PDB file of N, CA and C in Angstrom:
ATOM      1  N   MET A   1       0.839  -1.181   0.000  1.00  0.00           N
ATOM      2  CA  MET A   1       0.000   0.000   0.000  1.00  0.00           C
ATOM      3  C   MET A   1       0.880   1.238   0.000  1.00  0.00           C
ATOM      4  N   SER A   2       0.494   2.202  -0.780  1.00  0.00           N
ATOM      5  CA  SER A   2       1.178   3.488  -0.756  1.00  0.00           C
ATOM      6  C   SER A   2       0.120   4.584  -0.751  1.00  0.00           C
ATOM      7  N   LEU A   3       0.557   5.786  -0.573  1.00  0.00           N
ATOM      8  CA  LEU A   3      -0.363   6.915  -0.481  1.00  0.00           C
ATOM      9  C   LEU A   3      -0.825   7.366  -1.858  1.00  0.00           C
ATOM     10  N   SER A   4      -1.994   7.974  -1.896  1.00  0.00           N
ATOM     11  CA  SER A   4      -2.474   8.568  -3.139  1.00  0.00           C
ATOM     12  C   SER A   4      -1.591   9.764  -3.478  1.00  0.00           C
ATOM     13  N   ALA A   5      -1.662  10.228  -4.710  1.00  0.00           N
ATOM     14  CA  ALA A   5      -0.837  11.367  -5.136  1.00  0.00           C
ATOM     15  C   ALA A   5      -1.130  12.596  -4.285  1.00  0.00           C
ATOM     16  N   SER A   6      -2.376  12.807  -3.956  1.00  0.00           N
ATOM     17  CA  SER A   6      -2.763  13.957  -3.132  1.00  0.00           C
ATOM     18  C   SER A   6      -2.207  13.842  -1.717  1.00  0.00           C
ATOM     19  N   ASP A   7      -2.332  12.656  -1.120  1.00  0.00           N
ATOM     20  CA  ASP A   7      -1.794  12.446   0.228  1.00  0.00           C
ATOM     21  C   ASP A   7      -0.278  12.555   0.235  1.00  0.00           C
ATOM     22  N   LEU A   8       0.364  12.039  -0.804  1.00  0.00           N
ATOM     23  CA  LEU A   8       1.820  12.116  -0.902  1.00  0.00           C
ATOM     24  C   LEU A   8       2.269  13.575  -0.968  1.00  0.00           C
ATOM     25  N   LYS A   9       1.557  14.377  -1.735  1.00  0.00           N
ATOM     26  CA  LYS A   9       1.885  15.792  -1.838  1.00  0.00           C
ATOM     27  C   LYS A   9       1.696  16.496  -0.493  1.00  0.00           C
ATOM     28  N   ASP A  10       0.622  16.162   0.213  1.00  0.00           N
ATOM     29  CA  ASP A  10       0.378  16.743   1.535  1.00  0.00           C
ATOM     30  C   ASP A  10       1.467  16.334   2.524  1.00  0.00           C
ATOM     31  N   LEU A  11       1.848  15.068   2.494  1.00  0.00           N
ATOM     32  CA  LEU A  11       2.906  14.589   3.382  1.00  0.00           C
ATOM     33  C   LEU A  11       4.221  15.285   3.068  1.00  0.00           C
ATOM     34  N   GLN A  12       4.528  15.425   1.793  1.00  0.00           N
ATOM     35  CA  GLN A  12       5.766  16.100   1.396  1.00  0.00           C
ATOM     36  C   GLN A  12       5.795  17.530   1.925  1.00  0.00           C
ATOM     37  N   ALA A  13       4.679  18.241   1.808  1.00  0.00           N
ATOM     38  CA  ALA A  13       4.613  19.624   2.292  1.00  0.00           C
ATOM     39  C   ALA A  13       4.807  19.680   3.806  1.00  0.00           C
ATOM     40  N   ALA A  14       4.190  18.753   4.524  1.00  0.00           N
ATOM     41  CA  ALA A  14       4.330  18.733   5.980  1.00  0.00           C
ATOM     42  C   ALA A  14       5.766  18.418   6.386  1.00  0.00           C
ATOM     43  N   VAL A  15       6.373  17.455   5.727  1.00  0.00           N
ATOM     44  CA  VAL A  15       7.764  17.084   6.009  1.00  0.00           C
ATOM     45  C   VAL A  15       8.688  18.261   5.706  1.00  0.00           C
ATOM     46  N   ALA A  16       8.452  18.932   4.606  1.00  0.00           N
ATOM     47  CA  ALA A  16       9.302  20.048   4.179  1.00  0.00           C
ATOM     48  C   ALA A  16       9.312  21.176   5.209  1.00  0.00           C
ATOM     49  N   ASP A  17       8.158  21.429   5.819  1.00  0.00           N
ATOM     50  CA  ASP A  17       8.026  22.553   6.740  1.00  0.00           C
ATOM     51  C   ASP A  17       8.325  22.220   8.196  1.00  0.00           C
ATOM     52  N   ARG A  18       8.236  20.948   8.558  1.00  0.00           N
ATOM     53  CA  ARG A  18       8.323  20.596   9.984  1.00  0.00           C
ATOM     54  C   ARG A  18       9.621  19.903  10.375  1.00  0.00           C
ATOM     55  N   LEU A  19      10.216  19.146   9.474  1.00  0.00           N
ATOM     56  CA  LEU A  19      11.399  18.362   9.820  1.00  0.00           C
ATOM     57  C   LEU A  19      12.674  19.029   9.325  1.00  0.00           C
ATOM     58  N   TYR A  20      13.751  18.816  10.062  1.00  0.00           N
ATOM     59  CA  TYR A  20      15.014  19.460   9.711  1.00  0.00           C
ATOM     60  C   TYR A  20      16.210  18.577  10.035  1.00  0.00           C
ATOM     61  N   LEU A  21      17.318  18.893   9.399  1.00  0.00           N
ATOM     62  CA  LEU A  21      18.623  18.346   9.743  1.00  0.00           C
ATOM     63  C   LEU A  21      19.219  19.276  10.791  1.00  0.00           C
ATOM     64  N   GLN A  22      19.956  18.738  11.718  1.00  0.00           N
ATOM     65  CA  GLN A  22      20.620  19.601  12.697  1.00  0.00           C
ATOM     66  C   GLN A  22      22.114  19.336  12.633  1.00  0.00           C
ATOM     67  N   ILE A  23      22.842  20.380  12.296  1.00  0.00           N
ATOM     68  CA  ILE A  23      24.293  20.275  12.190  1.00  0.00           C
ATOM     69  C   ILE A  23      24.902  21.436  12.967  1.00  0.00           C
ATOM     70  N   ASN A  24      25.636  21.100  14.016  1.00  0.00           N
ATOM     71  CA  ASN A  24      26.306  22.097  14.844  1.00  0.00           C
ATOM     72  C   ASN A  24      25.350  23.201  15.300  1.00  0.00           C
ATOM     73  N   GLY A  25      24.149  22.819  15.704  1.00  0.00           N
ATOM     74  CA  GLY A  25      23.170  23.773  16.195  1.00  0.00           C
ATOM     75  C   GLY A  25      22.348  24.462  15.117  1.00  0.00           C
ATOM     76  N   TRP A  26      22.683  24.257  13.868  1.00  0.00           N
ATOM     77  CA  TRP A  26      21.937  24.852  12.760  1.00  0.00           C
ATOM     78  C   TRP A  26      20.826  23.907  12.341  1.00  0.00           C
ATOM     79  N   HIS A  27      19.678  24.472  11.988  1.00  0.00           N
ATOM     80  CA  HIS A  27      18.552  23.688  11.487  1.00  0.00           C
ATOM     81  C   HIS A  27      18.378  23.968  10.003  1.00  0.00           C
ATOM     82  N   LEU A  28      18.418  22.932   9.202  1.00  0.00           N
ATOM     83  CA  LEU A  28      18.167  23.037   7.773  1.00  0.00           C
ATOM     84  C   LEU A  28      16.928  22.202   7.476  1.00  0.00           C
ATOM     85  N   TYR A  29      15.831  22.884   7.177  1.00  0.00           N
ATOM     86  CA  TYR A  29      14.572  22.194   6.937  1.00  0.00           C
ATOM     87  C   TYR A  29      14.665  21.345   5.666  1.00  0.00           C
ATOM     88  N   LEU A  30      14.000  20.186   5.705  1.00  0.00           N
ATOM     89  CA  LEU A  30      14.115  19.233   4.605  1.00  0.00           C
ATOM     90  C   LEU A  30      13.618  19.795   3.286  1.00  0.00           C
ATOM     91  N   GLY A  31      12.670  20.704   3.323  1.00  0.00           N
ATOM     92  CA  GLY A  31      12.218  21.354   2.090  1.00  0.00           C
ATOM     93  C   GLY A  31      13.323  22.186   1.483  1.00  0.00           C
ATOM     94  N   ASP A  32      14.051  22.922   2.312  1.00  0.00           N
ATOM     95  CA  ASP A  32      15.162  23.743   1.839  1.00  0.00           C
ATOM     96  C   ASP A  32      16.334  22.886   1.378  1.00  0.00           C
ATOM     97  N   ALA A  33      16.489  21.720   2.005  1.00  0.00           N
ATOM     98  CA  ALA A  33      17.594  20.827   1.662  1.00  0.00           C
ATOM     99  C   ALA A  33      17.287  19.964   0.435  1.00  0.00           C
ATOM    100  N   GLY A  34      16.034  19.994  -0.044  1.00  0.00           N
ATOM    101  CA  GLY A  34      15.663  19.195  -1.202  1.00  0.00           C
ATOM    102  C   GLY A  34      15.503  17.713  -0.898  1.00  0.00           C
ATOM    103  N   ILE A  35      15.184  17.388   0.347  1.00  0.00           N
ATOM    104  CA  ILE A  35      15.089  15.995   0.764  1.00  0.00           C
ATOM    105  C   ILE A  35      13.648  15.583   1.077  1.00  0.00           C
ATOM    106  N   ALA A  36      12.743  16.534   1.188  1.00  0.00           N
ATOM    107  CA  ALA A  36      11.370  16.253   1.607  1.00  0.00           C
ATOM    108  C   ALA A  36      10.675  15.251   0.679  1.00  0.00           C
ATOM    109  N   GLU A  37      10.849  15.405  -0.615  1.00  0.00           N
ATOM    110  CA  GLU A  37      10.175  14.499  -1.553  1.00  0.00           C
ATOM    111  C   GLU A  37      10.676  13.069  -1.391  1.00  0.00           C
ATOM    112  N   ALA A  38      11.985  12.885  -1.303  1.00  0.00           N
ATOM    113  CA  ALA A  38      12.541  11.540  -1.156  1.00  0.00           C
ATOM    114  C   ALA A  38      12.041  10.878   0.123  1.00  0.00           C
ATOM    115  N   LEU A  39      11.965  11.642   1.211  1.00  0.00           N
ATOM    116  CA  LEU A  39      11.493  11.082   2.466  1.00  0.00           C
ATOM    117  C   LEU A  39      10.010  10.740   2.385  1.00  0.00           C
ATOM    118  N   ALA A  40       9.209  11.602   1.793  1.00  0.00           N
ATOM    119  CA  ALA A  40       7.774  11.331   1.660  1.00  0.00           C
ATOM    120  C   ALA A  40       7.531  10.082   0.815  1.00  0.00           C
ATOM    121  N   VAL A  41       8.256   9.920  -0.272  1.00  0.00           N
ATOM    122  CA  VAL A  41       8.106   8.742  -1.139  1.00  0.00           C
ATOM    123  C   VAL A  41       8.503   7.474  -0.388  1.00  0.00           C
ATOM    124  N   GLU A  42       9.594   7.548   0.340  1.00  0.00           N
ATOM    125  CA  GLU A  42      10.054   6.385   1.108  1.00  0.00           C
ATOM    126  C   GLU A  42       9.037   6.018   2.188  1.00  0.00           C
ATOM    127  N   CYS A  43       8.511   7.006   2.881  1.00  0.00           N
ATOM    128  CA  CYS A  43       7.496   6.758   3.908  1.00  0.00           C
ATOM    129  C   CYS A  43       6.239   6.150   3.286  1.00  0.00           C
ATOM    130  N   SER A  44       5.846   6.651   2.137  1.00  0.00           N
ATOM    131  CA  SER A  44       4.664   6.136   1.450  1.00  0.00           C
ATOM    132  C   SER A  44       4.812   4.649   1.130  1.00  0.00           C
ATOM    133  N   ALA A  45       5.984   4.260   0.707  1.00  0.00           N
ATOM    134  CA  ALA A  45       6.230   2.868   0.352  1.00  0.00           C
ATOM    135  C   ALA A  45       6.196   1.946   1.575  1.00  0.00           C
ATOM    136  N   LEU A  46       6.438   2.515   2.750  1.00  0.00           N
ATOM    137  CA  LEU A  46       6.522   1.713   3.972  1.00  0.00           C
ATOM    138  C   LEU A  46       5.325   1.884   4.898  1.00  0.00           C
ATOM    139  N   ILE A  47       4.348   2.691   4.511  1.00  0.00           N
ATOM    140  CA  ILE A  47       3.274   3.111   5.402  1.00  0.00           C
ATOM    141  C   ILE A  47       2.455   1.933   5.947  1.00  0.00           C
ATOM    142  N   ASN A  48       2.366   0.838   5.202  1.00  0.00           N
ATOM    143  CA  ASN A  48       1.582  -0.311   5.669  1.00  0.00           C
ATOM    144  C   ASN A  48       2.218  -1.012   6.865  1.00  0.00           C
ATOM    145  N   GLN A  49       3.453  -0.664   7.215  1.00  0.00           N
ATOM    146  CA  GLN A  49       4.140  -1.262   8.360  1.00  0.00           C
ATOM    147  C   GLN A  49       3.886  -0.494   9.658  1.00  0.00           C
ATOM    148  N   GLY A  50       3.129   0.588   9.571  1.00  0.00           N
ATOM    149  CA  GLY A  50       2.844   1.394  10.744  1.00  0.00           C
ATOM    150  C   GLY A  50       3.756   2.606  10.796  1.00  0.00           C
ATOM    151  N   ALA A  51       3.321   3.621  11.522  1.00  0.00           N
ATOM    152  CA  ALA A  51       4.032   4.897  11.555  1.00  0.00           C
ATOM    153  C   ALA A  51       5.442   4.777  12.115  1.00  0.00           C
ATOM    154  N   ALA A  52       5.618   4.062  13.211  1.00  0.00           N
ATOM    155  CA  ALA A  52       6.929   3.981  13.858  1.00  0.00           C
ATOM    156  C   ALA A  52       7.948   3.265  12.973  1.00  0.00           C
ATOM    157  N   VAL A  53       7.540   2.140  12.411  1.00  0.00           N
ATOM    158  CA  VAL A  53       8.456   1.368  11.557  1.00  0.00           C
ATOM    159  C   VAL A  53       8.746   2.129  10.265  1.00  0.00           C
ATOM    160  N   ALA A  54       7.710   2.681   9.655  1.00  0.00           N
ATOM    161  CA  ALA A  54       7.893   3.423   8.406  1.00  0.00           C
ATOM    162  C   ALA A  54       8.830   4.611   8.605  1.00  0.00           C
ATOM    163  N   ALA A  55       8.651   5.339   9.699  1.00  0.00           N
ATOM    164  CA  ALA A  55       9.495   6.499   9.965  1.00  0.00           C
ATOM    165  C   ALA A  55      10.955   6.089  10.137  1.00  0.00           C
ATOM    166  N   ARG A  56      11.205   5.089  10.963  1.00  0.00           N
ATOM    167  CA  ARG A  56      12.580   4.641  11.246  1.00  0.00           C
ATOM    168  C   ARG A  56      13.241   4.117   9.978  1.00  0.00           C
ATOM    169  N   GLN A  57      12.566   3.263   9.240  1.00  0.00           N
ATOM    170  CA  GLN A  57      13.163   2.677   8.042  1.00  0.00           C
ATOM    171  C   GLN A  57      13.372   3.727   6.955  1.00  0.00           C
ATOM    172  N   ALA A  58      12.456   4.671   6.848  1.00  0.00           N
ATOM    173  CA  ALA A  58      12.581   5.709   5.822  1.00  0.00           C
ATOM    174  C   ALA A  58      13.778   6.613   6.076  1.00  0.00           C
ATOM    175  N   ILE A  59      13.977   7.036   7.326  1.00  0.00           N
ATOM    176  CA  ILE A  59      15.114   7.936   7.574  1.00  0.00           C
ATOM    177  C   ILE A  59      16.451   7.204   7.479  1.00  0.00           C
ATOM    178  N   GLU A  60      16.430   5.885   7.608  1.00  0.00           N
ATOM    179  CA  GLU A  60      17.654   5.104   7.387  1.00  0.00           C
ATOM    180  C   GLU A  60      17.907   4.930   5.883  1.00  0.00           C
ATOM    181  N   ALA A  61      16.828   4.822   5.101  1.00  0.00           N
ATOM    182  CA  ALA A  61      16.956   4.558   3.664  1.00  0.00           C
ATOM    183  C   ALA A  61      17.337   5.801   2.865  1.00  0.00           C
ATOM    184  N   VAL A  62      16.861   6.971   3.282  1.00  0.00           N
ATOM    185  CA  VAL A  62      17.147   8.204   2.533  1.00  0.00           C
ATOM    186  C   VAL A  62      18.584   8.630   2.833  1.00  0.00           C
ATOM    187  N   LYS A  63      19.361   8.772   1.789  1.00  0.00           N
ATOM    188  CA  LYS A  63      20.773   9.168   1.924  1.00  0.00           C
ATOM    189  C   LYS A  63      20.930  10.647   1.590  1.00  0.00           C
ATOM    190  N   VAL A  64      21.741  11.327   2.385  1.00  0.00           N
ATOM    191  CA  VAL A  64      21.979  12.758   2.221  1.00  0.00           C
ATOM    192  C   VAL A  64      23.413  12.950   1.720  1.00  0.00           C
ATOM    193  N   PRO A  65      23.583  13.530   0.536  1.00  0.00           N
ATOM    194  CA  PRO A  65      24.941  13.766   0.040  1.00  0.00           C
ATOM    195  C   PRO A  65      25.619  14.870   0.860  1.00  0.00           C
ATOM    196  N   VAL A  66      26.855  14.631   1.235  1.00  0.00           N
ATOM    197  CA  VAL A  66      27.660  15.625   1.958  1.00  0.00           C
ATOM    198  C   VAL A  66      28.999  15.784   1.249  1.00  0.00           C
ATOM    199  N   ALA A  67      29.679  16.850   1.562  1.00  0.00           N
ATOM    200  CA  ALA A  67      30.997  17.128   0.980  1.00  0.00           C
ATOM    201  C   ALA A  67      30.933  17.148  -0.547  1.00  0.00           C
ATOM    202  N   GLY A  68      29.939  17.858  -1.073  1.00  0.00           N
ATOM    203  CA  GLY A  68      29.817  17.966  -2.522  1.00  0.00           C
ATOM    204  C   GLY A  68      29.477  16.658  -3.198  1.00  0.00           C
ATOM    205  N   GLY A  69      28.844  15.743  -2.462  1.00  0.00           N
ATOM    206  CA  GLY A  69      28.470  14.457  -3.026  1.00  0.00           C
ATOM    207  C   GLY A  69      29.544  13.397  -2.897  1.00  0.00           C
ATOM    208  N   ALA A  70      30.683  13.735  -2.287  1.00  0.00           N
ATOM    209  CA  ALA A  70      31.765  12.773  -2.127  1.00  0.00           C
ATOM    210  C   ALA A  70      31.389  11.641  -1.174  1.00  0.00           C
ATOM    211  N   SER A  71      30.422  11.895  -0.315  1.00  0.00           N
ATOM    212  CA  SER A  71      29.984  10.909   0.657  1.00  0.00           C
ATOM    213  C   SER A  71      28.486  11.071   0.872  1.00  0.00           C
ATOM    214  N   GLN A  72      27.860  10.041   1.435  1.00  0.00           N
ATOM    215  CA  GLN A  72      26.441  10.100   1.750  1.00  0.00           C
ATOM    216  C   GLN A  72      26.227   9.544   3.148  1.00  0.00           C
ATOM    217  N   LEU A  73      25.340  10.200   3.886  1.00  0.00           N
ATOM    218  CA  LEU A  73      24.983   9.742   5.225  1.00  0.00           C
ATOM    219  C   LEU A  73      23.489   9.457   5.261  1.00  0.00           C
ATOM    220  N   PRO A  74      23.080   8.454   6.040  1.00  0.00           N
ATOM    221  CA  PRO A  74      21.642   8.249   6.215  1.00  0.00           C
ATOM    222  C   PRO A  74      21.037   9.474   6.908  1.00  0.00           C
ATOM    223  N   LEU A  75      19.852   9.841   6.497  1.00  0.00           N
ATOM    224  CA  LEU A  75      19.162  10.974   7.100  1.00  0.00           C
ATOM    225  C   LEU A  75      19.079  10.817   8.615  1.00  0.00           C
ATOM    226  N   ALA A  76      18.954   9.602   9.088  1.00  0.00           N
ATOM    227  CA  ALA A  76      18.856   9.330  10.531  1.00  0.00           C
ATOM    228  C   ALA A  76      20.055   9.869  11.307  1.00  0.00           C
ATOM    229  N   ARG A  77      21.208   9.927  10.688  1.00  0.00           N
ATOM    230  CA  ARG A  77      22.418  10.404  11.372  1.00  0.00           C
ATOM    231  C   ARG A  77      22.444  11.917  11.497  1.00  0.00           C
ATOM    232  N   LEU A  78      21.573  12.617  10.782  1.00  0.00           N
ATOM    233  CA  LEU A  78      21.593  14.076  10.765  1.00  0.00           C
ATOM    234  C   LEU A  78      20.369  14.709  11.422  1.00  0.00           C
ATOM    235  N   MET A  79      19.452  13.882  11.900  1.00  0.00           N
ATOM    236  CA  MET A  79      18.228  14.390  12.532  1.00  0.00           C
ATOM    237  C   MET A  79      18.276  14.126  14.034  1.00  0.00           C
ATOM    238  N   PRO A  80      17.855  15.099  14.844  1.00  0.00           N
ATOM    239  CA  PRO A  80      17.748  14.833  16.281  1.00  0.00           C
ATOM    240  C   PRO A  80      16.615  13.843  16.559  1.00  0.00           C
ATOM    241  N   PRO A  81      16.701  13.101  17.655  1.00  0.00           N
ATOM    242  CA  PRO A  81      15.684  12.081  17.968  1.00  0.00           C
ATOM    243  C   PRO A  81      14.255  12.623  17.999  1.00  0.00           C
ATOM    244  N   ALA A  82      14.057  13.829  18.440  1.00  0.00           N
ATOM    245  CA  ALA A  82      12.707  14.402  18.495  1.00  0.00           C
ATOM    246  C   ALA A  82      12.084  14.498  17.104  1.00  0.00           C
ATOM    247  N   GLN A  83      12.910  14.638  16.086  1.00  0.00           N
ATOM    248  CA  GLN A  83      12.400  14.729  14.722  1.00  0.00           C
ATOM    249  C   GLN A  83      11.825  13.394  14.257  1.00  0.00           C
ATOM    250  N   LEU A  84      12.363  12.284  14.745  1.00  0.00           N
ATOM    251  CA  LEU A  84      11.796  10.973  14.422  1.00  0.00           C
ATOM    252  C   LEU A  84      10.383  10.881  14.984  1.00  0.00           C
ATOM    253  N   ARG A  85      10.188  11.329  16.208  1.00  0.00           N
ATOM    254  CA  ARG A  85       8.851  11.322  16.805  1.00  0.00           C
ATOM    255  C   ARG A  85       7.904  12.230  16.023  1.00  0.00           C
ATOM    256  N   ASP A  86       8.412  13.370  15.567  1.00  0.00           N
ATOM    257  CA  ASP A  86       7.577  14.266  14.757  1.00  0.00           C
ATOM    258  C   ASP A  86       7.171  13.596  13.441  1.00  0.00           C
ATOM    259  N   LEU A  87       8.092  12.865  12.833  1.00  0.00           N
ATOM    260  CA  LEU A  87       7.768  12.153  11.588  1.00  0.00           C
ATOM    261  C   LEU A  87       6.716  11.081  11.861  1.00  0.00           C
ATOM    262  N   GLU A  88       6.849  10.359  12.957  1.00  0.00           N
ATOM    263  CA  GLU A  88       5.841   9.362  13.317  1.00  0.00           C
ATOM    264  C   GLU A  88       4.470  10.018  13.458  1.00  0.00           C
ATOM    265  N   ASP A  89       4.426  11.198  14.102  1.00  0.00           N
ATOM    266  CA  ASP A  89       3.167  11.919  14.255  1.00  0.00           C
ATOM    267  C   ASP A  89       2.579  12.325  12.908  1.00  0.00           C
ATOM    268  N   LEU A  90       3.447  12.737  11.978  1.00  0.00           N
ATOM    269  CA  LEU A  90       2.984  13.119  10.636  1.00  0.00           C
ATOM    270  C   LEU A  90       2.415  11.910   9.890  1.00  0.00           C
ATOM    271  N   LEU A  91       2.995  10.743  10.111  1.00  0.00           N
ATOM    272  CA  LEU A  91       2.577   9.536   9.393  1.00  0.00           C
ATOM    273  C   LEU A  91       1.334   8.891   9.982  1.00  0.00           C
ATOM    274  N   GLN A  92       1.075   9.102  11.246  1.00  0.00           N
ATOM    275  CA  GLN A  92      -0.020   8.419  11.933  1.00  0.00           C
ATOM    276  C   GLN A  92      -1.363   8.523  11.212  1.00  0.00           C
ATOM    277  N   PRO A  93      -1.783   9.683  10.727  1.00  0.00           N
ATOM    278  CA  PRO A  93      -3.087   9.761  10.054  1.00  0.00           C
ATOM    279  C   PRO A  93      -3.185   8.909   8.781  1.00  0.00           C
ATOM    280  N   TYR A  94      -2.064   8.555   8.191  1.00  0.00           N
ATOM    281  CA  TYR A  94      -2.065   7.789   6.948  1.00  0.00           C
ATOM    282  C   TYR A  94      -2.052   6.268   7.191  1.00  0.00           C
ATOM    283  N   CYS A  95      -1.873   5.887   8.444  1.00  0.00           N
ATOM    284  CA  CYS A  95      -1.786   4.445   8.767  1.00  0.00           C
ATOM    285  C   CYS A  95      -3.144   3.833   9.015  1.00  0.00           C
TER     286      CYS A  95
END
């Protein structure tokens, strides 16, 4: 099961505005970082597993290019733990 195009767009917008990467105290929102769509698509593909599992697996699956693309880190390594809970809350209505 995955989300409808309309729900996917709504989820992407919510992720873009609410979730962020935190690096040295700086917050870079996923919409500004260009990662919101990839995370929303990944969550959509996993939504049938429940909000908690989908959120955890999605942030591990989405890779963030760093150092000009020379390396990639899982999104999970760049988000504070509270952001995982926020993602779970965003996904709950779709489960």
